[in-house]
PDB file of N, CA and C in Angstrom:
ATOM      1  N   MET A   1       1.817  -9.792  32.721  1.00  0.00           N
ATOM      2  CA  MET A   1       2.440  -9.928  31.425  1.00  0.00           C
ATOM      3  C   MET A   1       1.496 -10.589  30.422  1.00  0.00           C
ATOM      4  N   LYS A   2       0.753 -11.607  30.871  1.00  0.00           N
ATOM      5  CA  LYS A   2      -0.190 -12.279  29.983  1.00  0.00           C
ATOM      6  C   LYS A   2      -1.295 -11.319  29.548  1.00  0.00           C
ATOM      7  N   ARG A   3      -1.720 -10.477  30.469  1.00  0.00           N
ATOM      8  CA  ARG A   3      -2.782  -9.516  30.153  1.00  0.00           C
ATOM      9  C   ARG A   3      -2.305  -8.512  29.108  1.00  0.00           C
ATOM     10  N   LEU A   4      -1.061  -8.070  29.242  1.00  0.00           N
ATOM     11  CA  LEU A   4      -0.489  -7.134  28.272  1.00  0.00           C
ATOM     12  C   LEU A   4      -0.416  -7.770  26.885  1.00  0.00           C
ATOM     13  N   MET A   5      -0.003  -9.015  26.819  1.00  0.00           N
ATOM     14  CA  MET A   5       0.068  -9.724  25.541  1.00  0.00           C
ATOM     15  C   MET A   5      -1.321  -9.889  24.933  1.00  0.00           C
ATOM     16  N   ALA A   6      -2.312 -10.178  25.764  1.00  0.00           N
ATOM     17  CA  ALA A   6      -3.681 -10.339  25.273  1.00  0.00           C
ATOM     18  C   ALA A   6      -4.206  -9.028  24.707  1.00  0.00           C
ATOM     19  N   VAL A   7      -3.934  -7.935  25.389  1.00  0.00           N
ATOM     20  CA  VAL A   7      -4.377  -6.626  24.915  1.00  0.00           C
ATOM     21  C   VAL A   7      -3.656  -6.272  23.613  1.00  0.00           C
ATOM     22  N   ALA A   8      -2.366  -6.557  23.527  1.00  0.00           N
ATOM     23  CA  ALA A   8      -1.601  -6.275  22.315  1.00  0.00           C
ATOM     24  C   ALA A   8      -2.128  -7.094  21.141  1.00  0.00           C
ATOM     25  N   MET A   9      -2.418  -8.359  21.361  1.00  0.00           N
ATOM     26  CA  MET A   9      -2.949  -9.211  20.295  1.00  0.00           C
ATOM     27  C   MET A   9      -4.331  -8.730  19.845  1.00  0.00           C
ATOM     28  N   LEU A  10      -5.157  -8.319  20.787  1.00  0.00           N
ATOM     29  CA  LEU A  10      -6.477  -7.800  20.446  1.00  0.00           C
ATOM     30  C   LEU A  10      -6.360  -6.530  19.620  1.00  0.00           C
ATOM     31  N   ALA A  11      -5.434  -5.657  19.978  1.00  0.00           N
ATOM     32  CA  ALA A  11      -5.230  -4.418  19.235  1.00  0.00           C
ATOM     33  C   ALA A  11      -4.768  -4.710  17.811  1.00  0.00           C
ATOM     34  N   LEU A  12      -3.817  -5.627  17.661  1.00  0.00           N
ATOM     35  CA  LEU A  12      -3.331  -5.979  16.321  1.00  0.00           C
ATOM     36  C   LEU A  12      -4.435  -6.599  15.479  1.00  0.00           C
ATOM     37  N   PHE A  13      -5.236  -7.468  16.079  1.00  0.00           N
ATOM     38  CA  PHE A  13      -6.347  -8.097  15.369  1.00  0.00           C
ATOM     39  C   PHE A  13      -7.366  -7.047  14.929  1.00  0.00           C
ATOM     40  N   SER A  14      -7.658  -6.083  15.800  1.00  0.00           N
ATOM     41  CA  SER A  14      -8.619  -5.029  15.474  1.00  0.00           C
ATOM     42  C   SER A  14      -8.117  -4.164  14.327  1.00  0.00           C
ATOM     43  N   ILE A  15      -6.845  -3.807  14.360  1.00  0.00           N
ATOM     44  CA  ILE A  15      -6.272  -2.992  13.294  1.00  0.00           C
ATOM     45  C   ILE A  15      -6.320  -3.741  11.965  1.00  0.00           C
ATOM     46  N   ALA A  16      -5.969  -5.009  11.985  1.00  0.00           N
ATOM     47  CA  ALA A  16      -5.990  -5.818  10.764  1.00  0.00           C
ATOM     48  C   ALA A  16      -7.405  -5.936  10.210  1.00  0.00           C
ATOM     49  N   THR A  17      -8.371  -6.108  11.084  1.00  0.00           N
ATOM     50  CA  THR A  17      -9.762  -6.243  10.647  1.00  0.00           C
ATOM     51  C   THR A  17     -10.272  -4.942  10.034  1.00  0.00           C
ATOM     52  N   LEU A  18      -9.982  -3.828  10.672  1.00  0.00           N
ATOM     53  CA  LEU A  18     -10.440  -2.546  10.145  1.00  0.00           C
ATOM     54  C   LEU A  18      -9.760  -2.214   8.820  1.00  0.00           C
ATOM     55  N   SER A  19      -8.511  -2.550   8.682  1.00  0.00           N
ATOM     56  CA  SER A  19      -7.804  -2.319   7.427  1.00  0.00           C
ATOM     57  C   SER A  19      -8.413  -3.153   6.316  1.00  0.00           C
ATOM     58  N   ALA A  20      -8.766  -4.371   6.626  1.00  0.00           N
ATOM     59  CA  ALA A  20      -9.363  -5.251   5.626  1.00  0.00           C
ATOM     60  C   ALA A  20     -10.709  -4.709   5.165  1.00  0.00           C
ATOM     61  N   CYS A  21     -11.477  -4.123   6.059  1.00  0.00           N
ATOM     62  CA  CYS A  21     -12.764  -3.561   5.667  1.00  0.00           C
ATOM     63  C   CYS A  21     -12.579  -2.446   4.648  1.00  0.00           C
ATOM     64  N   ASN A  22     -11.628  -1.568   4.896  1.00  0.00           N
ATOM     65  CA  ASN A  22     -11.381  -0.480   3.958  1.00  0.00           C
ATOM     66  C   ASN A  22     -10.884  -1.012   2.632  1.00  0.00           C
ATOM     67  N   THR A  23     -10.060  -2.022   2.661  1.00  0.00           N
ATOM     68  CA  THR A  23      -9.539  -2.599   1.435  1.00  0.00           C
ATOM     69  C   THR A  23     -10.663  -3.241   0.630  1.00  0.00           C
ATOM     70  N   MET A  24     -11.516  -3.986   1.276  1.00  0.00           N
ATOM     71  CA  MET A  24     -12.624  -4.644   0.582  1.00  0.00           C
ATOM     72  C   MET A  24     -13.607  -3.621   0.034  1.00  0.00           C
ATOM     73  N   GLU A  25     -13.798  -2.519   0.747  1.00  0.00           N
ATOM     74  CA  GLU A  25     -14.690  -1.468   0.255  1.00  0.00           C
ATOM     75  C   GLU A  25     -14.117  -0.877  -1.030  1.00  0.00           C
ATOM     76  N   GLY A  26     -12.832  -0.618  -1.047  1.00  0.00           N
ATOM     77  CA  GLY A  26     -12.189  -0.086  -2.246  1.00  0.00           C
ATOM     78  C   GLY A  26     -12.252  -1.072  -3.406  1.00  0.00           C
ATOM     79  N   LEU A  27     -12.053  -2.350  -3.105  1.00  0.00           N
ATOM     80  CA  LEU A  27     -12.145  -3.381  -4.136  1.00  0.00           C
ATOM     81  C   LEU A  27     -13.561  -3.435  -4.700  1.00  0.00           C
ATOM     82  N   GLY A  28     -14.554  -3.320  -3.857  1.00  0.00           N
ATOM     83  CA  GLY A  28     -15.935  -3.318  -4.317  1.00  0.00           C
ATOM     84  C   GLY A  28     -16.227  -2.160  -5.252  1.00  0.00           C
ATOM     85  N   LYS A  29     -15.698  -0.996  -4.938  1.00  0.00           N
ATOM     86  CA  LYS A  29     -15.889   0.169  -5.811  1.00  0.00           C
ATOM     87  C   LYS A  29     -15.214  -0.042  -7.151  1.00  0.00           C
ATOM     88  N   ASP A  30     -14.020  -0.619  -7.144  1.00  0.00           N
ATOM     89  CA  ASP A  30     -13.304  -0.888  -8.396  1.00  0.00           C
ATOM     90  C   ASP A  30     -14.066  -1.880  -9.263  1.00  0.00           C
ATOM     91  N   VAL A  31     -14.592  -2.939  -8.652  1.00  0.00           N
ATOM     92  CA  VAL A  31     -15.350  -3.937  -9.397  1.00  0.00           C
ATOM     93  C   VAL A  31     -16.620  -3.315  -9.974  1.00  0.00           C
ATOM     94  N   LYS A  32     -17.252  -2.436  -9.208  1.00  0.00           N
ATOM     95  CA  LYS A  32     -18.464  -1.773  -9.690  1.00  0.00           C
ATOM     96  C   LYS A  32     -18.152  -0.912 -10.909  1.00  0.00           C
ATOM     97  N   LYS A  33     -17.062  -0.144 -10.858  1.00  0.00           N
ATOM     98  CA  LYS A  33     -16.674   0.691 -11.996  1.00  0.00           C
ATOM     99  C   LYS A  33     -16.369  -0.161 -13.219  1.00  0.00           C
ATOM    100  N   LEU A  34     -15.685  -1.284 -13.012  1.00  0.00           N
ATOM    101  CA  LEU A  34     -15.374  -2.180 -14.115  1.00  0.00           C
ATOM    102  C   LEU A  34     -16.656  -2.733 -14.733  1.00  0.00           C
ATOM    103  N   GLY A  35     -17.601  -3.107 -13.907  1.00  0.00           N
ATOM    104  CA  GLY A  35     -18.883  -3.605 -14.403  1.00  0.00           C
ATOM    105  C   GLY A  35     -19.632  -2.556 -15.207  1.00  0.00           C
ATOM    106  N   GLU A  36     -19.583  -1.304 -14.757  1.00  0.00           N
ATOM    107  CA  GLU A  36     -20.247  -0.228 -15.496  1.00  0.00           C
ATOM    108  C   GLU A  36     -19.596  -0.018 -16.862  1.00  0.00           C
ATOM    109  N   LYS A  37     -18.281  -0.116 -16.938  1.00  0.00           N
ATOM    110  CA  LYS A  37     -17.586   0.037 -18.213  1.00  0.00           C
ATOM    111  C   LYS A  37     -17.935  -1.090 -19.168  1.00  0.00           C
ATOM    112  N   VAL A  38     -18.039  -2.312 -18.645  1.00  0.00           N
ATOM    113  CA  VAL A  38     -18.400  -3.457 -19.476  1.00  0.00           C
ATOM    114  C   VAL A  38     -19.826  -3.262 -20.017  1.00  0.00           C
ATOM    115  N   GLU A  39     -20.739  -2.793 -19.161  1.00  0.00           N
ATOM    116  CA  GLU A  39     -22.116  -2.563 -19.613  1.00  0.00           C
ATOM    117  C   GLU A  39     -22.154  -1.480 -20.696  1.00  0.00           C
ATOM    118  N   ASP A  40     -21.378  -0.414 -20.527  1.00  0.00           N
ATOM    119  CA  ASP A  40     -21.339   0.642 -21.528  1.00  0.00           C
ATOM    120  C   ASP A  40     -20.840   0.127 -22.876  1.00  0.00           C
ATOM    121  N   LYS A  41     -19.798  -0.685 -22.854  1.00  0.00           N
ATOM    122  CA  LYS A  41     -19.258  -1.259 -24.100  1.00  0.00           C
ATOM    123  C   LYS A  41     -20.259  -2.201 -24.733  1.00  0.00           C
ATOM    124  N   ALA A  42     -20.966  -2.960 -23.930  1.00  0.00           N
ATOM    125  CA  ALA A  42     -21.927  -3.934 -24.453  1.00  0.00           C
ATOM    126  C   ALA A  42     -23.128  -3.237 -25.082  1.00  0.00           C
ATOM    127  N   SER A  43     -23.517  -2.088 -24.545  1.00  0.00           N
ATOM    128  CA  SER A  43     -24.709  -1.408 -25.065  1.00  0.00           C
ATOM    129  C   SER A  43     -24.394  -0.544 -26.282  1.00  0.00           C
ATOM    130  N   SER A  44     -23.126  -0.257 -26.550  1.00  0.00           N
ATOM    131  CA  SER A  44     -22.812   0.593 -27.710  1.00  0.00           C
ATOM    132  C   SER A  44     -22.398  -0.198 -28.919  1.00  0.00           C
TER     133      SER A  44
END
């Protein structure tokens, strides 16, 4: 039973970690686009 709980916790932790990576990647792209728009406004 302890082994099953350990495997379940590891699986949940792995899923949470992988989801966070995708979320942070998307956030990085959004910040990059925002920065490009600010640069465009500043140069015009």
